[in-house]
Amino acid sequence: MSEPIQPGRPQTEVETGSRMQRLFDLRYVIGALLGVYGVILVVRGLLDGPEELARAAGLSINLWTGVGLLVVAAIFLAWGLTRPLGIDVEENID
């Protein structure tokens, strides 16, 4: 475990956060929720019958909205994986 950061000292190194910090990163929560809703809408869109398509002017709104949500969820999850939360730590000069 590293020493606490002292105010006024330069911070030169970034350490990735703990498992609990990554677990509660909002990017993962938002990405997971959008992914779940996206999967539900894609399945619903694939199961839409002719009545639903007729009401939506021939466009499968559930399917396209689900695909959009899955794309946004993938962006959030990729963002969380490529730019993890960091904790600034000071460099040991000793």
N, C-alpha and C. Protein backbone atom coordinates (compact mmCIF):
# COMPACT_ATOMS: atom_id res chain seq x y z
N MET A 1 0.84 -1.17 0.00
CA MET A 1 0.00 0.00 0.00
C MET A 1 0.89 1.24 0.00
N SER A 2 0.51 2.25 -0.74
CA SER A 2 1.35 3.44 -0.84
C SER A 2 1.03 4.43 0.26
N GLU A 3 1.93 5.38 0.44
CA GLU A 3 1.74 6.41 1.45
C GLU A 3 0.68 7.40 0.98
N PRO A 4 0.03 8.10 1.91
CA PRO A 4 -0.98 9.08 1.51
C PRO A 4 -0.33 10.24 0.75
N ILE A 5 -1.11 10.85 -0.11
CA ILE A 5 -0.62 11.97 -0.92
C ILE A 5 -0.59 13.23 -0.06
N GLN A 6 0.52 13.96 -0.15
CA GLN A 6 0.66 15.19 0.60
C GLN A 6 0.35 16.35 -0.33
N PRO A 7 -0.43 17.34 0.14
CA PRO A 7 -0.75 18.49 -0.70
C PRO A 7 0.51 19.25 -1.09
N GLY A 8 0.53 19.76 -2.29
CA GLY A 8 1.64 20.58 -2.74
C GLY A 8 2.79 19.81 -3.34
N ARG A 9 2.76 18.48 -3.31
CA ARG A 9 3.83 17.67 -3.88
C ARG A 9 3.40 17.21 -5.26
N PRO A 10 4.32 17.18 -6.22
CA PRO A 10 3.95 16.75 -7.57
C PRO A 10 3.56 15.28 -7.60
N GLN A 11 2.62 14.99 -8.44
CA GLN A 11 2.17 13.61 -8.61
C GLN A 11 2.55 13.18 -10.02
N THR A 12 3.35 12.16 -10.11
CA THR A 12 3.90 11.79 -11.42
C THR A 12 3.40 10.45 -11.93
N GLU A 13 2.73 9.69 -11.12
CA GLU A 13 2.37 8.34 -11.50
C GLU A 13 0.87 8.14 -11.23
N VAL A 14 0.21 7.37 -12.07
CA VAL A 14 -1.19 7.06 -11.85
C VAL A 14 -1.33 5.56 -11.69
N GLU A 15 -1.98 5.15 -10.64
CA GLU A 15 -2.19 3.75 -10.33
C GLU A 15 -3.65 3.43 -10.61
N THR A 16 -3.93 2.29 -11.21
CA THR A 16 -5.33 1.95 -11.47
C THR A 16 -6.06 1.74 -10.16
N GLY A 17 -7.36 2.03 -10.17
CA GLY A 17 -8.16 1.98 -8.96
C GLY A 17 -8.38 0.56 -8.46
N SER A 18 -8.92 0.48 -7.28
CA SER A 18 -9.20 -0.82 -6.68
C SER A 18 -10.39 -1.47 -7.37
N ARG A 19 -10.62 -2.71 -7.03
CA ARG A 19 -11.73 -3.46 -7.64
C ARG A 19 -13.07 -2.81 -7.29
N MET A 20 -13.22 -2.32 -6.09
CA MET A 20 -14.47 -1.69 -5.69
C MET A 20 -14.72 -0.39 -6.45
N GLN A 21 -13.66 0.37 -6.71
CA GLN A 21 -13.83 1.59 -7.49
C GLN A 21 -14.28 1.26 -8.91
N ARG A 22 -13.68 0.24 -9.52
CA ARG A 22 -14.07 -0.13 -10.87
C ARG A 22 -15.49 -0.68 -10.90
N LEU A 23 -15.89 -1.37 -9.84
CA LEU A 23 -17.23 -1.95 -9.78
C LEU A 23 -18.29 -0.85 -9.79
N PHE A 24 -18.03 0.25 -9.12
CA PHE A 24 -19.01 1.31 -9.02
C PHE A 24 -18.72 2.47 -9.98
N ASP A 25 -17.91 2.25 -10.97
CA ASP A 25 -17.70 3.24 -12.01
C ASP A 25 -19.00 3.39 -12.80
N LEU A 26 -19.51 4.59 -12.91
CA LEU A 26 -20.80 4.80 -13.56
C LEU A 26 -20.81 4.39 -15.02
N ARG A 27 -19.66 4.41 -15.66
CA ARG A 27 -19.62 4.00 -17.07
C ARG A 27 -20.00 2.54 -17.21
N TYR A 28 -19.59 1.69 -16.27
CA TYR A 28 -19.96 0.28 -16.32
C TYR A 28 -21.44 0.09 -16.01
N VAL A 29 -21.95 0.82 -15.05
CA VAL A 29 -23.36 0.70 -14.67
C VAL A 29 -24.25 1.15 -15.82
N ILE A 30 -23.94 2.31 -16.40
CA ILE A 30 -24.73 2.82 -17.52
C ILE A 30 -24.63 1.89 -18.72
N GLY A 31 -23.42 1.44 -19.02
CA GLY A 31 -23.24 0.52 -20.15
C GLY A 31 -23.99 -0.78 -19.97
N ALA A 32 -23.98 -1.31 -18.75
CA ALA A 32 -24.69 -2.57 -18.49
C ALA A 32 -26.20 -2.38 -18.62
N LEU A 33 -26.72 -1.30 -18.06
CA LEU A 33 -28.16 -1.06 -18.15
C LEU A 33 -28.61 -0.85 -19.59
N LEU A 34 -27.87 -0.04 -20.33
CA LEU A 34 -28.21 0.17 -21.73
C LEU A 34 -28.10 -1.12 -22.52
N GLY A 35 -27.13 -1.95 -22.18
CA GLY A 35 -26.97 -3.24 -22.86
C GLY A 35 -28.14 -4.17 -22.60
N VAL A 36 -28.59 -4.22 -21.36
CA VAL A 36 -29.74 -5.07 -21.02
C VAL A 36 -30.99 -4.60 -21.75
N TYR A 37 -31.25 -3.29 -21.70
CA TYR A 37 -32.42 -2.76 -22.40
C TYR A 37 -32.28 -2.96 -23.91
N GLY A 38 -31.08 -2.82 -24.43
CA GLY A 38 -30.86 -3.02 -25.86
C GLY A 38 -31.15 -4.45 -26.28
N VAL A 39 -30.70 -5.42 -25.50
CA VAL A 39 -30.97 -6.82 -25.83
C VAL A 39 -32.46 -7.10 -25.78
N ILE A 40 -33.15 -6.57 -24.77
CA ILE A 40 -34.59 -6.77 -24.68
C ILE A 40 -35.30 -6.20 -25.90
N LEU A 41 -34.90 -5.00 -26.32
CA LEU A 41 -35.56 -4.37 -27.47
C LEU A 41 -35.21 -5.07 -28.77
N VAL A 42 -34.00 -5.58 -28.91
CA VAL A 42 -33.64 -6.31 -30.13
C VAL A 42 -34.48 -7.59 -30.22
N VAL A 43 -34.60 -8.31 -29.13
CA VAL A 43 -35.41 -9.53 -29.14
C VAL A 43 -36.86 -9.18 -29.44
N ARG A 44 -37.36 -8.14 -28.80
CA ARG A 44 -38.73 -7.70 -29.05
C ARG A 44 -38.92 -7.27 -30.51
N GLY A 45 -37.93 -6.59 -31.06
CA GLY A 45 -38.02 -6.15 -32.45
C GLY A 45 -38.00 -7.32 -33.43
N LEU A 46 -37.23 -8.36 -33.11
CA LEU A 46 -37.20 -9.53 -33.98
C LEU A 46 -38.50 -10.31 -33.91
N LEU A 47 -39.23 -10.20 -32.80
CA LEU A 47 -40.48 -10.93 -32.63
C LEU A 47 -41.71 -10.11 -33.03
N ASP A 48 -41.51 -8.86 -33.45
CA ASP A 48 -42.65 -8.02 -33.85
C ASP A 48 -43.36 -8.63 -35.04
N GLY A 49 -44.66 -8.60 -34.97
CA GLY A 49 -45.47 -9.11 -36.06
C GLY A 49 -45.87 -8.00 -37.03
N PRO A 50 -46.68 -8.34 -38.00
CA PRO A 50 -47.10 -7.35 -39.00
C PRO A 50 -47.93 -6.21 -38.42
N GLU A 51 -48.65 -6.47 -37.33
CA GLU A 51 -49.45 -5.40 -36.71
C GLU A 51 -48.57 -4.28 -36.17
N GLU A 52 -47.50 -4.66 -35.46
CA GLU A 52 -46.59 -3.65 -34.92
C GLU A 52 -45.87 -2.89 -36.03
N LEU A 53 -45.48 -3.61 -37.07
CA LEU A 53 -44.81 -2.95 -38.20
C LEU A 53 -45.75 -1.99 -38.91
N ALA A 54 -47.01 -2.35 -39.03
CA ALA A 54 -47.98 -1.47 -39.69
C ALA A 54 -48.21 -0.20 -38.87
N ARG A 55 -48.24 -0.33 -37.54
CA ARG A 55 -48.43 0.86 -36.70
C ARG A 55 -47.21 1.78 -36.76
N ALA A 56 -46.04 1.25 -37.07
CA ALA A 56 -44.82 2.05 -37.11
C ALA A 56 -44.40 2.38 -38.54
N ALA A 57 -45.34 2.34 -39.47
CA ALA A 57 -45.10 2.68 -40.88
C ALA A 57 -44.04 1.77 -41.50
N GLY A 58 -44.05 0.49 -41.11
CA GLY A 58 -43.14 -0.49 -41.70
C GLY A 58 -41.74 -0.50 -41.12
N LEU A 59 -41.49 0.32 -40.14
CA LEU A 59 -40.15 0.40 -39.54
C LEU A 59 -40.16 -0.34 -38.21
N SER A 60 -39.20 -1.22 -38.00
CA SER A 60 -39.12 -1.95 -36.74
C SER A 60 -38.42 -1.07 -35.70
N ILE A 61 -39.22 -0.26 -35.03
CA ILE A 61 -38.68 0.72 -34.08
C ILE A 61 -37.96 0.04 -32.93
N ASN A 62 -38.54 -1.04 -32.41
CA ASN A 62 -37.91 -1.74 -31.30
C ASN A 62 -36.53 -2.27 -31.70
N LEU A 63 -36.44 -2.84 -32.89
CA LEU A 63 -35.17 -3.41 -33.34
C LEU A 63 -34.10 -2.33 -33.48
N TRP A 64 -34.43 -1.23 -34.15
CA TRP A 64 -33.43 -0.18 -34.38
C TRP A 64 -33.07 0.56 -33.10
N THR A 65 -34.03 0.75 -32.22
CA THR A 65 -33.72 1.37 -30.93
C THR A 65 -32.82 0.45 -30.11
N GLY A 66 -33.09 -0.85 -30.14
CA GLY A 66 -32.25 -1.81 -29.42
C GLY A 66 -30.83 -1.84 -29.96
N VAL A 67 -30.69 -1.79 -31.28
CA VAL A 67 -29.35 -1.76 -31.88
C VAL A 67 -28.62 -0.49 -31.47
N GLY A 68 -29.33 0.63 -31.47
CA GLY A 68 -28.71 1.89 -31.02
C GLY A 68 -28.26 1.83 -29.58
N LEU A 69 -29.09 1.26 -28.72
CA LEU A 69 -28.72 1.12 -27.31
C LEU A 69 -27.52 0.21 -27.13
N LEU A 70 -27.45 -0.87 -27.91
CA LEU A 70 -26.29 -1.76 -27.82
C LEU A 70 -25.01 -1.06 -28.26
N VAL A 71 -25.10 -0.22 -29.28
CA VAL A 71 -23.92 0.53 -29.74
C VAL A 71 -23.45 1.49 -28.65
N VAL A 72 -24.39 2.23 -28.05
CA VAL A 72 -24.03 3.17 -26.99
C VAL A 72 -23.48 2.42 -25.77
N ALA A 73 -24.07 1.27 -25.45
CA ALA A 73 -23.57 0.47 -24.33
C ALA A 73 -22.14 0.00 -24.59
N ALA A 74 -21.86 -0.42 -25.82
CA ALA A 74 -20.50 -0.84 -26.17
C ALA A 74 -19.52 0.32 -26.05
N ILE A 75 -19.95 1.51 -26.42
CA ILE A 75 -19.08 2.69 -26.29
C ILE A 75 -18.76 2.97 -24.82
N PHE A 76 -19.78 2.92 -23.96
CA PHE A 76 -19.56 3.15 -22.53
C PHE A 76 -18.63 2.10 -21.94
N LEU A 77 -18.85 0.84 -22.28
CA LEU A 77 -18.01 -0.22 -21.72
C LEU A 77 -16.58 -0.14 -22.25
N ALA A 78 -16.41 0.18 -23.54
CA ALA A 78 -15.07 0.34 -24.09
C ALA A 78 -14.36 1.52 -23.45
N TRP A 79 -15.09 2.59 -23.20
CA TRP A 79 -14.53 3.76 -22.54
C TRP A 79 -14.05 3.41 -21.14
N GLY A 80 -14.84 2.65 -20.41
CA GLY A 80 -14.45 2.25 -19.07
C GLY A 80 -13.24 1.33 -19.06
N LEU A 81 -13.12 0.47 -20.07
CA LEU A 81 -11.99 -0.45 -20.14
C LEU A 81 -10.71 0.24 -20.60
N THR A 82 -10.82 1.18 -21.52
CA THR A 82 -9.61 1.83 -22.05
C THR A 82 -9.11 2.96 -21.17
N ARG A 83 -10.01 3.59 -20.41
CA ARG A 83 -9.61 4.68 -19.53
C ARG A 83 -10.08 4.40 -18.11
N PRO A 84 -9.45 3.44 -17.41
CA PRO A 84 -9.90 3.10 -16.06
C PRO A 84 -9.68 4.25 -15.08
N LEU A 85 -10.43 4.22 -14.01
CA LEU A 85 -10.25 5.22 -12.97
C LEU A 85 -8.85 5.08 -12.40
N GLY A 86 -8.21 6.19 -12.08
CA GLY A 86 -6.87 6.14 -11.52
C GLY A 86 -6.80 6.87 -10.21
N ILE A 87 -5.83 6.48 -9.43
CA ILE A 87 -5.56 7.16 -8.16
C ILE A 87 -4.18 7.79 -8.30
N ASP A 88 -4.11 9.07 -8.09
CA ASP A 88 -2.82 9.74 -8.19
C ASP A 88 -1.96 9.37 -6.98
N VAL A 89 -0.73 8.97 -7.26
CA VAL A 89 0.20 8.65 -6.18
C VAL A 89 1.50 9.40 -6.44
N GLU A 90 2.19 9.70 -5.36
CA GLU A 90 3.45 10.43 -5.52
C GLU A 90 4.59 9.46 -5.76
N GLU A 91 5.60 9.93 -6.43
CA GLU A 91 6.78 9.12 -6.72
C GLU A 91 7.69 9.09 -5.50
N ASN A 92 8.19 7.91 -5.15
CA ASN A 92 9.12 7.80 -4.03
C ASN A 92 10.50 8.22 -4.49
N ILE A 93 11.03 9.30 -3.92
CA ILE A 93 12.33 9.82 -4.31
C ILE A 93 13.43 9.15 -3.50
N ASP A 94 13.10 8.57 -2.38
CA ASP A 94 14.12 7.96 -1.50
C ASP A 94 14.82 6.85 -2.15
